């Protein structure tokens, strides 16, 4: 495998630079019940209220009944659970409701987001959009047939470097230092999600004219990464509903659309 003279091999992880149509269209935004910030449904997490009042994560946003949306990190959610802010916010939205918020809600949200990402990868594999095996990934990458390159969190630097270089060649980005994305899942989690042994790297098939599969996968990656890492999407994923900076109080004063109250924003699905 050749290394161009101007190739910059560093330990910096640079996520795929993808552009996508904005999903901030009419009706697609929701309001975080804790910060008041608005963002696209695709990057927020829905909390569903079960009939018995138990508050649970609903990453697919398909559970029936009432729900609320959050756009904060795991640490921020844990603090809001501990000091009662989450319960007070939910009580304001659902006056008179009997709510039970589990102490381990942040862990449940993280686990649910990880399962949702695993489910998405499984669906894309069955649709023929996932490329596995280092040799095949490198071949498809050099041919420019991968829209995204992903690595397990416990993958080796050497293994990532070789595939990253092949990916840059196929993208015409030699010398850029651009790299695939290190996932917030280890090889065991990826292997379970895909029903394969020892999945360390994977590619998402696509080309500049067809990024649909990659966008579906990277949206799921972004939500989990933001929740675990502190509310910011991985670098280079801002085209997928990045909420960078919106969690600060200075960005939470966006007016409600005409005719809608704060409570409407909390409960609308």
C-alpha atoms as a PDB file:
ATOM      1  CA  UNK A   1       0.000   0.000   0.000  1.00  0.00           C
ATOM      2  CA  UNK A   2       1.585   3.244  -1.049  1.00  0.00           C
ATOM      3  CA  UNK A   3       1.891   6.308   1.153  1.00  0.00           C
ATOM      4  CA  UNK A   4       1.957   9.536  -0.871  1.00  0.00           C
ATOM      5  CA  UNK A   5       4.863  11.874   0.025  1.00  0.00           C
ATOM      6  CA  UNK A   6       2.490  14.514   1.345  1.00  0.00           C
ATOM      7  CA  UNK A   7       0.318  12.067   3.332  1.00  0.00           C
ATOM      8  CA  UNK A   8      -0.200  13.255   6.882  1.00  0.00           C
ATOM      9  CA  UNK A   9      -0.571  10.292   9.221  1.00  0.00           C
ATOM     10  CA  UNK A  10      -1.666  11.622  12.582  1.00  0.00           C
ATOM     11  CA  UNK A  11      -3.614  10.284  15.530  1.00  0.00           C
ATOM     12  CA  UNK A  12      -6.351  12.858  15.035  1.00  0.00           C
ATOM     13  CA  UNK A  13      -9.723  11.351  14.205  1.00  0.00           C
ATOM     14  CA  UNK A  14     -11.490  13.338  11.530  1.00  0.00           C
ATOM     15  CA  UNK A  15     -15.053  12.240  10.868  1.00  0.00           C
ATOM     16  CA  UNK A  16     -16.432  11.915   7.340  1.00  0.00           C
ATOM     17  CA  UNK A  17     -17.281  15.290   5.890  1.00  0.00           C
ATOM     18  CA  UNK A  18     -20.812  14.738   4.715  1.00  0.00           C
ATOM     19  CA  UNK A  19     -23.363  17.224   3.578  1.00  0.00           C
ATOM     20  CA  UNK A  20     -27.051  16.519   3.720  1.00  0.00           C
ATOM     21  CA  UNK A  21     -30.308  18.331   3.209  1.00  0.00           C
ATOM     22  CA  UNK A  22     -31.337  20.042   6.402  1.00  0.00           C
ATOM     23  CA  UNK A  23     -34.069  18.303   8.326  1.00  0.00           C
ATOM     24  CA  UNK A  24     -35.047  21.576   9.960  1.00  0.00           C
ATOM     25  CA  UNK A  25     -38.167  21.861   7.875  1.00  0.00           C
ATOM     26  CA  UNK A  26     -41.641  22.756   9.042  1.00  0.00           C
ATOM     27  CA  UNK A  27     -42.804  20.395  11.761  1.00  0.00           C
ATOM     28  CA  UNK A  28     -39.448  18.598  12.151  1.00  0.00           C
ATOM     29  CA  UNK A  29     -38.159  20.478  15.197  1.00  0.00           C
ATOM     30  CA  UNK A  30     -38.807  19.789  18.848  1.00  0.00           C
ATOM     31  CA  UNK A  31     -37.964  21.634  22.048  1.00  0.00           C
ATOM     32  CA  UNK A  32     -35.689  20.212  24.736  1.00  0.00           C
ATOM     33  CA  UNK A  33     -37.674  20.118  27.967  1.00  0.00           C
ATOM     34  CA  UNK A  34     -34.554  20.895  30.029  1.00  0.00           C
ATOM     35  CA  UNK A  35     -32.806  23.654  28.075  1.00  0.00           C
ATOM     36  CA  UNK A  36     -35.612  25.151  25.999  1.00  0.00           C
ATOM     37  CA  UNK A  37     -33.408  24.818  22.883  1.00  0.00           C
ATOM     38  CA  UNK A  38     -34.983  23.687  19.612  1.00  0.00           C
ATOM     39  CA  UNK A  39     -33.440  21.131  17.302  1.00  0.00           C
ATOM     40  CA  UNK A  40     -34.369  18.522  14.722  1.00  0.00           C
ATOM     41  CA  UNK A  41     -36.179  15.390  15.889  1.00  0.00           C
ATOM     42  CA  UNK A  42     -33.347  13.346  14.382  1.00  0.00           C
ATOM     43  CA  UNK A  43     -30.819  14.615  16.928  1.00  0.00           C
ATOM     44  CA  UNK A  44     -33.006  14.799  20.046  1.00  0.00           C
ATOM     45  CA  UNK A  45     -34.079  11.890  22.242  1.00  0.00           C
ATOM     46  CA  UNK A  46     -37.725  11.263  23.083  1.00  0.00           C
ATOM     47  CA  UNK A  47     -38.752  10.207  26.561  1.00  0.00           C
ATOM     48  CA  UNK A  48     -42.005   8.254  26.541  1.00  0.00           C
ATOM     49  CA  UNK A  49     -44.489   8.283  29.396  1.00  0.00           C
ATOM     50  CA  UNK A  50     -45.850   4.775  29.969  1.00  0.00           C
ATOM     51  CA  UNK A  51     -49.488   4.306  31.063  1.00  0.00           C
ATOM     52  CA  UNK A  52     -48.301   3.649  34.615  1.00  0.00           C
ATOM     53  CA  UNK A  53     -46.289   6.896  34.604  1.00  0.00           C
ATOM     54  CA  UNK A  54     -42.845   5.359  34.149  1.00  0.00           C
ATOM     55  CA  UNK A  55     -40.511   7.589  32.109  1.00  0.00           C
ATOM     56  CA  UNK A  56     -38.473   5.589  29.590  1.00  0.00           C
ATOM     57  CA  UNK A  57     -36.267   6.339  26.541  1.00  0.00           C
ATOM     58  CA  UNK A  58     -37.892   6.043  23.129  1.00  0.00           C
ATOM     59  CA  UNK A  59     -35.050   6.490  20.606  1.00  0.00           C
ATOM     60  CA  UNK A  60     -37.213   5.492  17.633  1.00  0.00           C
ATOM     61  CA  UNK A  61     -39.867   8.036  18.729  1.00  0.00           C
ATOM     62  CA  UNK A  62     -42.607   5.507  17.980  1.00  0.00           C
ATOM     63  CA  UNK A  63     -44.007   4.641  21.411  1.00  0.00           C
ATOM     64  CA  UNK A  64     -47.685   5.596  21.766  1.00  0.00           C
ATOM     65  CA  UNK A  65     -48.924   8.152  24.242  1.00  0.00           C
ATOM     66  CA  UNK A  66     -47.343  11.236  25.652  1.00  0.00           C
ATOM     67  CA  UNK A  67     -43.665  12.074  25.494  1.00  0.00           C
ATOM     68  CA  UNK A  68     -41.050  14.788  25.900  1.00  0.00           C
ATOM     69  CA  UNK A  69     -37.785  15.568  24.150  1.00  0.00           C
ATOM     70  CA  UNK A  70     -34.286  16.099  25.537  1.00  0.00           C
ATOM     71  CA  UNK A  71     -31.090  17.298  23.872  1.00  0.00           C
ATOM     72  CA  UNK A  72     -28.556  17.130  26.692  1.00  0.00           C
ATOM     73  CA  UNK A  73     -25.593  14.931  27.544  1.00  0.00           C
ATOM     74  CA  UNK A  74     -25.676  11.956  29.870  1.00  0.00           C
ATOM     75  CA  UNK A  75     -23.985  13.954  32.643  1.00  0.00           C
ATOM     76  CA  UNK A  76     -26.466  16.814  32.285  1.00  0.00           C
ATOM     77  CA  UNK A  77     -29.399  14.405  32.351  1.00  0.00           C
ATOM     78  CA  UNK A  78     -28.006  12.668  35.442  1.00  0.00           C
ATOM     79  CA  UNK A  79     -27.749  16.039  37.200  1.00  0.00           C
ATOM     80  CA  UNK A  80     -31.317  16.933  36.182  1.00  0.00           C
ATOM     81  CA  UNK A  81     -32.602  13.615  37.529  1.00  0.00           C
ATOM     82  CA  UNK A  82     -30.677  13.990  40.790  1.00  0.00           C
ATOM     83  CA  UNK A  83     -31.757  17.546  41.590  1.00  0.00           C
ATOM     84  CA  UNK A  84     -35.367  17.095  40.446  1.00  0.00           C
ATOM     85  CA  UNK A  85     -35.243  19.449  37.457  1.00  0.00           C
ATOM     86  CA  UNK A  86     -36.342  16.745  35.023  1.00  0.00           C
ATOM     87  CA  UNK A  87     -39.320  15.797  37.162  1.00  0.00           C
ATOM     88  CA  UNK A  88     -40.359  19.419  37.603  1.00  0.00           C
ATOM     89  CA  UNK A  89     -40.108  20.028  33.845  1.00  0.00           C
ATOM     90  CA  UNK A  90     -42.213  16.954  33.120  1.00  0.00           C
ATOM     91  CA  UNK A  91     -44.767  17.895  35.765  1.00  0.00           C
ATOM     92  CA  UNK A  92     -45.150  21.349  34.210  1.00  0.00           C
ATOM     93  CA  UNK A  93     -45.737  19.757  30.811  1.00  0.00           C
ATOM     94  CA  UNK A  94     -48.085  17.054  32.060  1.00  0.00           C
ATOM     95  CA  UNK A  95     -50.042  18.662  34.860  1.00  0.00           C
ATOM     96  CA  UNK A  96     -51.540  16.122  37.220  1.00  0.00           C
ATOM     97  CA  UNK A  97     -49.664  13.154  35.788  1.00  0.00           C
ATOM     98  CA  UNK A  98     -48.211  10.601  38.182  1.00  0.00           C
ATOM     99  CA  UNK A  99     -44.641  10.154  37.011  1.00  0.00           C
ATOM    100  CA  UNK A 100     -41.899   7.733  38.027  1.00  0.00           C
ATOM    101  CA  UNK A 101     -38.393   8.614  36.885  1.00  0.00           C
ATOM    102  CA  UNK A 102     -35.909   5.744  37.360  1.00  0.00           C
ATOM    103  CA  UNK A 103     -32.626   6.708  38.992  1.00  0.00           C
ATOM    104  CA  UNK A 104     -30.747   4.938  36.199  1.00  0.00           C
ATOM    105  CA  UNK A 105     -32.538   6.804  33.394  1.00  0.00           C
ATOM    106  CA  UNK A 106     -29.257   8.176  31.907  1.00  0.00           C
ATOM    107  CA  UNK A 107     -27.853   4.642  31.635  1.00  0.00           C
ATOM    108  CA  UNK A 108     -31.136   3.464  30.088  1.00  0.00           C
ATOM    109  CA  UNK A 109     -31.002   6.261  27.509  1.00  0.00           C
ATOM    110  CA  UNK A 110     -27.423   5.396  26.542  1.00  0.00           C
ATOM    111  CA  UNK A 111     -28.248   1.702  26.250  1.00  0.00           C
ATOM    112  CA  UNK A 112     -31.342   2.469  24.166  1.00  0.00           C
ATOM    113  CA  UNK A 113     -29.376   4.707  21.795  1.00  0.00           C
ATOM    114  CA  UNK A 114     -26.699   2.029  21.437  1.00  0.00           C
ATOM    115  CA  UNK A 115     -29.376  -0.573  20.622  1.00  0.00           C
ATOM    116  CA  UNK A 116     -30.948   1.823  18.124  1.00  0.00           C
ATOM    117  CA  UNK A 117     -27.589   2.250  16.370  1.00  0.00           C
ATOM    118  CA  UNK A 118     -27.066  -1.504  16.379  1.00  0.00           C
ATOM    119  CA  UNK A 119     -30.528  -2.032  14.912  1.00  0.00           C
ATOM    120  CA  UNK A 120     -29.806   0.522  12.191  1.00  0.00           C
ATOM    121  CA  UNK A 121     -26.553  -1.221  11.276  1.00  0.00           C
ATOM    122  CA  UNK A 122     -28.382  -4.550  11.133  1.00  0.00           C
ATOM    123  CA  UNK A 123     -31.036  -3.138   8.819  1.00  0.00           C
ATOM    124  CA  UNK A 124     -28.424  -1.642   6.506  1.00  0.00           C
ATOM    125  CA  UNK A 125     -26.525  -4.942   6.441  1.00  0.00           C
ATOM    126  CA  UNK A 126     -29.661  -6.793   5.358  1.00  0.00           C
ATOM    127  CA  UNK A 127     -30.213  -4.143   2.692  1.00  0.00           C
ATOM    128  CA  UNK A 128     -26.732  -4.745   1.308  1.00  0.00           C
ATOM    129  CA  UNK A 129     -25.348  -1.383   2.391  1.00  0.00           C
ATOM    130  CA  UNK A 130     -22.685  -2.569   4.861  1.00  0.00           C
ATOM    131  CA  UNK A 131     -19.243  -3.734   3.752  1.00  0.00           C
ATOM    132  CA  UNK A 132     -17.310  -6.000   6.149  1.00  0.00           C
ATOM    133  CA  UNK A 133     -13.820  -7.508   6.169  1.00  0.00           C
ATOM    134  CA  UNK A 134     -10.660  -5.419   6.033  1.00  0.00           C
ATOM    135  CA  UNK A 135      -9.650  -6.581   2.537  1.00  0.00           C
ATOM    136  CA  UNK A 136     -13.085  -5.928   1.035  1.00  0.00           C
ATOM    137  CA  UNK A 137     -13.407  -2.589   2.815  1.00  0.00           C
ATOM    138  CA  UNK A 138     -10.013  -1.497   1.458  1.00  0.00           C
ATOM    139  CA  UNK A 139     -10.970  -2.616  -2.081  1.00  0.00           C
ATOM    140  CA  UNK A 140     -14.304  -0.793  -2.019  1.00  0.00           C
ATOM    141  CA  UNK A 141     -12.736   2.253  -0.378  1.00  0.00           C
ATOM    142  CA  UNK A 142     -10.062   2.618  -3.065  1.00  0.00           C
ATOM    143  CA  UNK A 143     -12.739   2.278  -5.728  1.00  0.00           C
ATOM    144  CA  UNK A 144     -14.659   5.198  -4.218  1.00  0.00           C
ATOM    145  CA  UNK A 145     -17.663   3.033  -3.338  1.00  0.00           C
ATOM    146  CA  UNK A 146     -17.865   3.844   0.375  1.00  0.00           C
ATOM    147  CA  UNK A 147     -19.829   6.812   1.687  1.00  0.00           C
ATOM    148  CA  UNK A 148     -18.580   6.287   5.248  1.00  0.00           C
ATOM    149  CA  UNK A 149     -15.825   4.349   6.995  1.00  0.00           C
ATOM    150  CA  UNK A 150     -16.392   3.319  10.614  1.00  0.00           C
ATOM    151  CA  UNK A 151     -14.138   1.746  13.240  1.00  0.00           C
ATOM    152  CA  UNK A 152     -14.874   0.010  16.548  1.00  0.00           C
ATOM    153  CA  UNK A 153     -13.823   1.948  19.630  1.00  0.00           C
ATOM    154  CA  UNK A 154     -11.251  -0.742  20.478  1.00  0.00           C
ATOM    155  CA  UNK A 155      -9.808  -1.038  16.967  1.00  0.00           C
ATOM    156  CA  UNK A 156      -6.052  -0.639  16.613  1.00  0.00           C
ATOM    157  CA  UNK A 157      -4.453   2.541  15.334  1.00  0.00           C
ATOM    158  CA  UNK A 158      -2.554   0.536  12.714  1.00  0.00           C
ATOM    159  CA  UNK A 159      -5.708  -1.113  11.394  1.00  0.00           C
ATOM    160  CA  UNK A 160      -7.513   2.228  11.200  1.00  0.00           C
ATOM    161  CA  UNK A 161      -4.579   3.927   9.494  1.00  0.00           C
ATOM    162  CA  UNK A 162      -4.411   1.423   6.633  1.00  0.00           C
ATOM    163  CA  UNK A 163      -8.129   1.606   5.875  1.00  0.00           C
ATOM    164  CA  UNK A 164      -8.219   5.380   6.317  1.00  0.00           C
ATOM    165  CA  UNK A 165      -5.501   5.722   3.697  1.00  0.00           C
ATOM    166  CA  UNK A 166      -7.421   3.521   1.238  1.00  0.00           C
ATOM    167  CA  UNK A 167     -10.537   5.593   1.882  1.00  0.00           C
ATOM    168  CA  UNK A 168      -8.703   8.856   1.179  1.00  0.00           C
ATOM    169  CA  UNK A 169      -7.407   7.434  -2.118  1.00  0.00           C
ATOM    170  CA  UNK A 170     -10.943   6.573  -3.237  1.00  0.00           C
ATOM    171  CA  UNK A 171     -12.240   9.981  -2.211  1.00  0.00           C
ATOM    172  CA  UNK A 172      -9.431  11.854  -3.939  1.00  0.00           C
ATOM    173  CA  UNK A 173      -8.431  13.252  -0.557  1.00  0.00           C
ATOM    174  CA  UNK A 174      -4.830  12.075  -0.305  1.00  0.00           C
ATOM    175  CA  UNK A 175      -2.761  14.305   1.926  1.00  0.00           C
ATOM    176  CA  UNK A 176      -5.817  15.657   3.741  1.00  0.00           C
ATOM    177  CA  UNK A 177      -5.423  13.551   6.888  1.00  0.00           C
ATOM    178  CA  UNK A 178      -9.131  12.754   6.673  1.00  0.00           C
ATOM    179  CA  UNK A 179     -10.077   9.649   8.610  1.00  0.00           C
ATOM    180  CA  UNK A 180     -12.978   7.348   9.250  1.00  0.00           C
ATOM    181  CA  UNK A 181     -15.134   7.710  12.319  1.00  0.00           C
ATOM    182  CA  UNK A 182     -14.382   5.846  15.539  1.00  0.00           C
ATOM    183  CA  UNK A 183     -17.717   4.595  16.861  1.00  0.00           C
ATOM    184  CA  UNK A 184     -18.893   4.690  20.487  1.00  0.00           C
ATOM    185  CA  UNK A 185     -19.282   0.885  20.224  1.00  0.00           C
ATOM    186  CA  UNK A 186     -16.584  -1.763  20.647  1.00  0.00           C
ATOM    187  CA  UNK A 187     -16.055  -4.803  18.435  1.00  0.00           C
ATOM    188  CA  UNK A 188     -18.210  -7.014  20.631  1.00  0.00           C
ATOM    189  CA  UNK A 189     -21.200  -4.672  20.336  1.00  0.00           C
ATOM    190  CA  UNK A 190     -20.714  -4.402  16.572  1.00  0.00           C
ATOM    191  CA  UNK A 191     -20.415  -8.167  16.210  1.00  0.00           C
ATOM    192  CA  UNK A 192     -23.648  -8.711  18.122  1.00  0.00           C
ATOM    193  CA  UNK A 193     -25.478  -6.019  16.129  1.00  0.00           C
ATOM    194  CA  UNK A 194     -24.398  -7.445  12.777  1.00  0.00           C
ATOM    195  CA  UNK A 195     -24.477 -11.145  13.656  1.00  0.00           C
ATOM    196  CA  UNK A 196     -20.871 -11.597  12.561  1.00  0.00           C
ATOM    197  CA  UNK A 197     -17.672 -12.594  14.337  1.00  0.00           C
ATOM    198  CA  UNK A 198     -15.094  -9.977  15.286  1.00  0.00           C
ATOM    199  CA  UNK A 199     -16.433  -6.913  13.464  1.00  0.00           C
ATOM    200  CA  UNK A 200     -13.727  -4.282  13.914  1.00  0.00           C
ATOM    201  CA  UNK A 201     -14.240  -2.054  10.865  1.00  0.00           C
ATOM    202  CA  UNK A 202     -17.140  -1.503   8.490  1.00  0.00           C
ATOM    203  CA  UNK A 203     -17.946   0.590   5.488  1.00  0.00           C
ATOM    204  CA  UNK A 204     -21.267   2.044   4.391  1.00  0.00           C
ATOM    205  CA  UNK A 205     -21.773   1.699   0.653  1.00  0.00           C
ATOM    206  CA  UNK A 206     -22.533   4.801  -1.349  1.00  0.00           C
ATOM    207  CA  UNK A 207     -21.136   7.536  -3.532  1.00  0.00           C
ATOM    208  CA  UNK A 208     -21.466  11.341  -3.720  1.00  0.00           C
ATOM    209  CA  UNK A 209     -24.799  10.995  -5.500  1.00  0.00           C
ATOM    210  CA  UNK A 210     -26.283   8.526  -3.013  1.00  0.00           C
ATOM    211  CA  UNK A 211     -25.548   9.181   0.655  1.00  0.00           C
ATOM    212  CA  UNK A 212     -28.867   7.920   2.011  1.00  0.00           C
ATOM    213  CA  UNK A 213     -27.598   4.827   3.824  1.00  0.00           C
ATOM    214  CA  UNK A 214     -24.620   6.697   5.253  1.00  0.00           C
ATOM    215  CA  UNK A 215     -26.829   9.495   6.542  1.00  0.00           C
ATOM    216  CA  UNK A 216     -29.156   7.050   8.286  1.00  0.00           C
ATOM    217  CA  UNK A 217     -26.229   5.370  10.014  1.00  0.00           C
ATOM    218  CA  UNK A 218     -24.388   8.571  10.894  1.00  0.00           C
ATOM    219  CA  UNK A 219     -27.494  10.189  12.357  1.00  0.00           C
ATOM    220  CA  UNK A 220     -27.764   7.271  14.789  1.00  0.00           C
ATOM    221  CA  UNK A 221     -24.041   7.531  15.528  1.00  0.00           C
ATOM    222  CA  UNK A 222     -24.330  11.265  16.114  1.00  0.00           C
ATOM    223  CA  UNK A 223     -27.154  10.960  18.652  1.00  0.00           C
ATOM    224  CA  UNK A 224     -25.283   8.386  20.717  1.00  0.00           C
ATOM    225  CA  UNK A 225     -21.976  10.267  20.492  1.00  0.00           C
ATOM    226  CA  UNK A 226     -23.575  13.551  21.503  1.00  0.00           C
ATOM    227  CA  UNK A 227     -25.302  11.994  24.486  1.00  0.00           C
ATOM    228  CA  UNK A 228     -22.176  10.213  25.724  1.00  0.00           C
ATOM    229  CA  UNK A 229     -19.596  12.873  24.846  1.00  0.00           C
ATOM    230  CA  UNK A 230     -21.337  15.974  26.124  1.00  0.00           C
ATOM    231  CA  UNK A 231     -23.854  17.339  23.672  1.00  0.00           C
ATOM    232  CA  UNK A 232     -21.732  17.935  20.572  1.00  0.00           C
ATOM    233  CA  UNK A 233     -21.777  15.845  17.425  1.00  0.00           C
ATOM    234  CA  UNK A 234     -18.516  14.308  16.178  1.00  0.00           C
ATOM    235  CA  UNK A 235     -16.439  16.661  14.064  1.00  0.00           C
ATOM    236  CA  UNK A 236     -17.557  16.842  10.482  1.00  0.00           C
ATOM    237  CA  UNK A 237     -21.138  15.738  11.143  1.00  0.00           C
ATOM    238  CA  UNK A 238     -22.634  19.208  11.470  1.00  0.00           C
ATOM    239  CA  UNK A 239     -24.671  18.679   8.320  1.00  0.00           C
ATOM    240  CA  UNK A 240     -26.787  16.139  10.146  1.00  0.00           C
ATOM    241  CA  UNK A 241     -28.450  18.334  12.696  1.00  0.00           C
ATOM    242  CA  UNK A 242     -25.532  19.369  14.845  1.00  0.00           C
ATOM    243  CA  UNK A 243     -26.646  21.301  17.875  1.00  0.00           C
ATOM    244  CA  UNK A 244     -23.284  22.755  18.761  1.00  0.00           C
ATOM    245  CA  UNK A 245     -23.696  25.639  21.145  1.00  0.00           C
ATOM    246  CA  UNK A 246     -27.465  25.378  21.468  1.00  0.00           C
ATOM    247  CA  UNK A 247     -27.374  23.958  24.969  1.00  0.00           C
ATOM    248  CA  UNK A 248     -26.124  27.250  26.365  1.00  0.00           C
ATOM    249  CA  UNK A 249     -28.721  29.516  27.971  1.00  0.00           C
ATOM    250  CA  UNK A 250     -27.978  32.261  25.474  1.00  0.00           C
ATOM    251  CA  UNK A 251     -29.308  30.092  22.648  1.00  0.00           C
ATOM    252  CA  UNK A 252     -32.441  28.796  24.324  1.00  0.00           C
ATOM    253  CA  UNK A 253     -34.658  31.821  23.861  1.00  0.00           C
ATOM    254  CA  UNK A 254     -35.972  31.017  20.408  1.00  0.00           C
ATOM    255  CA  UNK A 255     -39.608  32.128  20.161  1.00  0.00           C
ATOM    256  CA  UNK A 256     -42.294  29.505  19.728  1.00  0.00           C
ATOM    257  CA  UNK A 257     -43.990  29.266  16.367  1.00  0.00           C
ATOM    258  CA  UNK A 258     -47.194  31.238  16.282  1.00  0.00           C
ATOM    259  CA  UNK A 259     -50.059  29.584  18.084  1.00  0.00           C
ATOM    260  CA  UNK A 260     -47.971  27.016  19.983  1.00  0.00           C
ATOM    261  CA  UNK A 261     -47.226  27.050  23.673  1.00  0.00           C
ATOM    262  CA  UNK A 262     -44.221  25.655  25.505  1.00  0.00           C
ATOM    263  CA  UNK A 263     -46.358  22.727  26.643  1.00  0.00           C
ATOM    264  CA  UNK A 264     -47.276  21.955  23.037  1.00  0.00           C
ATOM    265  CA  UNK A 265     -43.581  21.724  22.227  1.00  0.00           C
ATOM    266  CA  UNK A 266     -42.993  19.200  25.003  1.00  0.00           C
ATOM    267  CA  UNK A 267     -45.761  16.791  24.116  1.00  0.00           C
ATOM    268  CA  UNK A 268     -45.999  16.935  20.346  1.00  0.00           C
ATOM    269  CA  UNK A 269     -44.712  13.756  18.698  1.00  0.00           C
END
